[in-house]
Amino acid sequence: MAFGITAIREIINNSKETLHIVKKENPDNDRLTIHSGHTSVHEIWIPWVGNQNEFDKKVLEITFEESNNKICIWQSGNTVRYSKGNFSDGGFAVAPMQKTDGNRKLTITDTKVVVEEFNN
């Protein structure tokens, strides 16, 4: 079964910290900083990850500048997943739009990650 590409088209930083975002699979092109209260329209494809080795090389990693907390995002099967910095047996499905394939908006707060359909 084939699954489609999921592209983050907009990232909203509703946290109190500056965010540093890098896709390990393509760090030269997919690296950005978003200050608290700001939005980025940089497109990043969510990488496919099926195991710890792929996670270490490909994941989309979001680091909170002041606290150094991390959130990692990836696709597995037909689900967009996240964890707090490690593969952790497949992570957790993001809410409310965890289905893969299509354009998404990512909102990050101090306590949660929200992925929604991107409508532009």
Protein backbone atom coordinates (compact mmCIF):
# COMPACT_ATOMS: atom_id res chain seq x y z
CA MET A 1 0.00 0.00 0.00
CA ALA A 2 1.41 3.39 -0.99
CA PHE A 3 0.95 6.49 1.12
CA GLY A 4 1.22 10.06 -0.10
CA ILE A 5 3.55 12.87 0.82
CA THR A 6 2.55 15.12 3.69
CA ALA A 7 3.86 18.67 3.37
CA ILE A 8 3.87 21.20 6.17
CA ARG A 9 3.13 24.48 4.38
CA GLU A 10 2.78 26.77 7.39
CA ILE A 11 4.29 26.64 10.89
CA ILE A 12 2.83 28.77 13.67
CA ASN A 13 4.85 29.28 16.84
CA ASN A 14 2.37 29.89 19.66
CA SER A 15 4.91 28.89 22.30
CA LYS A 16 6.75 31.30 24.58
CA GLU A 17 10.12 30.27 23.08
CA THR A 18 12.03 30.63 19.84
CA LEU A 19 11.89 27.40 17.81
CA HIS A 20 14.72 25.92 15.75
CA ILE A 21 13.46 23.46 13.15
CA VAL A 22 15.61 21.11 11.08
CA LYS A 23 14.79 18.12 8.94
CA LYS A 24 17.78 15.84 9.48
CA GLU A 25 17.28 14.25 6.06
CA ASN A 26 17.86 17.59 4.30
CA PRO A 27 19.40 20.05 6.79
CA ASP A 28 20.83 22.45 4.18
CA ASN A 29 17.40 23.26 2.74
CA ASP A 30 15.04 22.46 5.60
CA ARG A 31 16.31 24.55 8.51
CA LEU A 32 14.59 27.56 10.01
CA THR A 33 14.09 29.61 13.16
CA ILE A 34 10.67 30.90 14.20
CA HIS A 35 10.39 33.41 17.02
CA SER A 36 7.57 33.25 19.55
CA GLY A 37 4.31 34.56 18.10
CA HIS A 38 5.50 34.31 14.48
CA THR A 39 4.56 32.18 11.48
CA SER A 40 6.68 30.65 8.71
CA VAL A 41 5.44 29.61 5.27
CA HIS A 42 8.52 27.48 4.51
CA GLU A 43 7.41 24.11 3.05
CA ILE A 44 8.85 20.97 4.64
CA TRP A 45 7.87 17.42 3.72
CA ILE A 46 7.38 15.17 6.73
CA PRO A 47 9.91 12.30 6.43
CA TRP A 48 9.05 8.60 6.43
CA VAL A 49 10.51 6.81 9.46
CA GLY A 50 10.09 3.14 10.34
CA ASN A 51 12.85 2.45 12.86
CA GLN A 52 15.41 4.06 15.17
CA ASN A 53 18.12 4.23 12.48
CA GLU A 54 15.85 6.14 10.07
CA PHE A 55 14.69 8.34 12.94
CA ASP A 56 18.28 9.34 13.73
CA LYS A 57 18.93 10.31 10.08
CA LYS A 58 15.65 11.72 8.78
CA VAL A 59 13.28 13.07 11.44
CA LEU A 60 11.92 16.63 11.57
CA GLU A 61 13.31 17.98 14.85
CA ILE A 62 11.94 21.04 16.65
CA THR A 63 14.05 22.46 19.48
CA PHE A 64 12.78 25.04 21.95
CA GLU A 65 15.67 27.50 22.33
CA GLU A 66 15.43 28.44 25.99
CA SER A 67 14.43 25.10 27.58
CA ASN A 68 16.21 22.90 24.98
CA ASN A 69 13.11 20.65 24.88
CA LYS A 70 12.61 18.75 21.62
CA ILE A 71 9.71 17.51 19.58
CA CYS A 72 10.25 15.16 16.64
CA ILE A 73 7.75 14.64 13.81
CA TRP A 74 7.62 11.89 11.15
CA GLN A 75 5.29 9.71 9.09
CA SER A 76 4.80 6.02 9.64
CA GLY A 77 2.24 4.17 7.54
CA ASN A 78 -0.75 6.46 7.11
CA THR A 79 -0.13 8.41 10.33
CA VAL A 80 1.82 11.56 11.20
CA ARG A 81 3.53 10.96 14.55
CA TYR A 82 5.50 12.88 17.16
CA SER A 83 7.61 12.26 20.24
CA LYS A 84 9.62 14.31 22.70
CA GLY A 85 13.03 13.67 21.18
CA ASN A 86 13.26 9.93 20.50
CA PHE A 87 11.71 7.17 18.43
CA SER A 88 9.89 5.79 21.49
CA ASP A 89 8.26 2.78 19.84
CA GLY A 90 6.50 4.73 17.13
CA GLY A 91 5.58 7.90 19.00
CA PHE A 92 2.08 9.34 19.25
CA ALA A 93 -0.38 10.28 16.50
CA VAL A 94 -0.72 14.05 16.14
CA ALA A 95 -4.16 15.57 16.53
CA PRO A 96 -6.52 16.35 14.99
CA MET A 97 -5.19 15.68 11.45
CA GLN A 98 -2.91 12.65 11.74
CA LYS A 99 -3.70 11.27 8.29
CA THR A 100 -0.86 11.47 5.77
CA ASP A 101 -1.02 12.84 2.22
CA GLY A 102 -1.68 16.51 1.61
CA ASN A 103 -0.80 19.98 2.81
CA ARG A 104 -0.80 20.73 6.52
CA LYS A 105 -0.50 23.59 8.98
CA LEU A 106 1.59 22.91 12.09
CA THR A 107 0.90 24.86 15.29
CA ILE A 108 3.28 24.50 18.22
CA THR A 109 2.46 25.64 21.74
CA ASP A 110 4.28 25.13 25.03
CA THR A 111 2.26 21.98 25.69
CA LYS A 112 1.12 20.49 22.37
CA VAL A 113 1.61 19.97 18.65
CA VAL A 114 -1.41 20.44 16.37
CA VAL A 115 -1.50 19.43 12.70
CA GLU A 116 -4.43 20.65 10.66
CA GLU A 117 -5.35 20.75 6.99
CA PHE A 118 -3.74 23.70 5.22
CA ASN A 119 -6.23 25.81 3.31
CA ASN A 120 -4.77 28.62 1.29
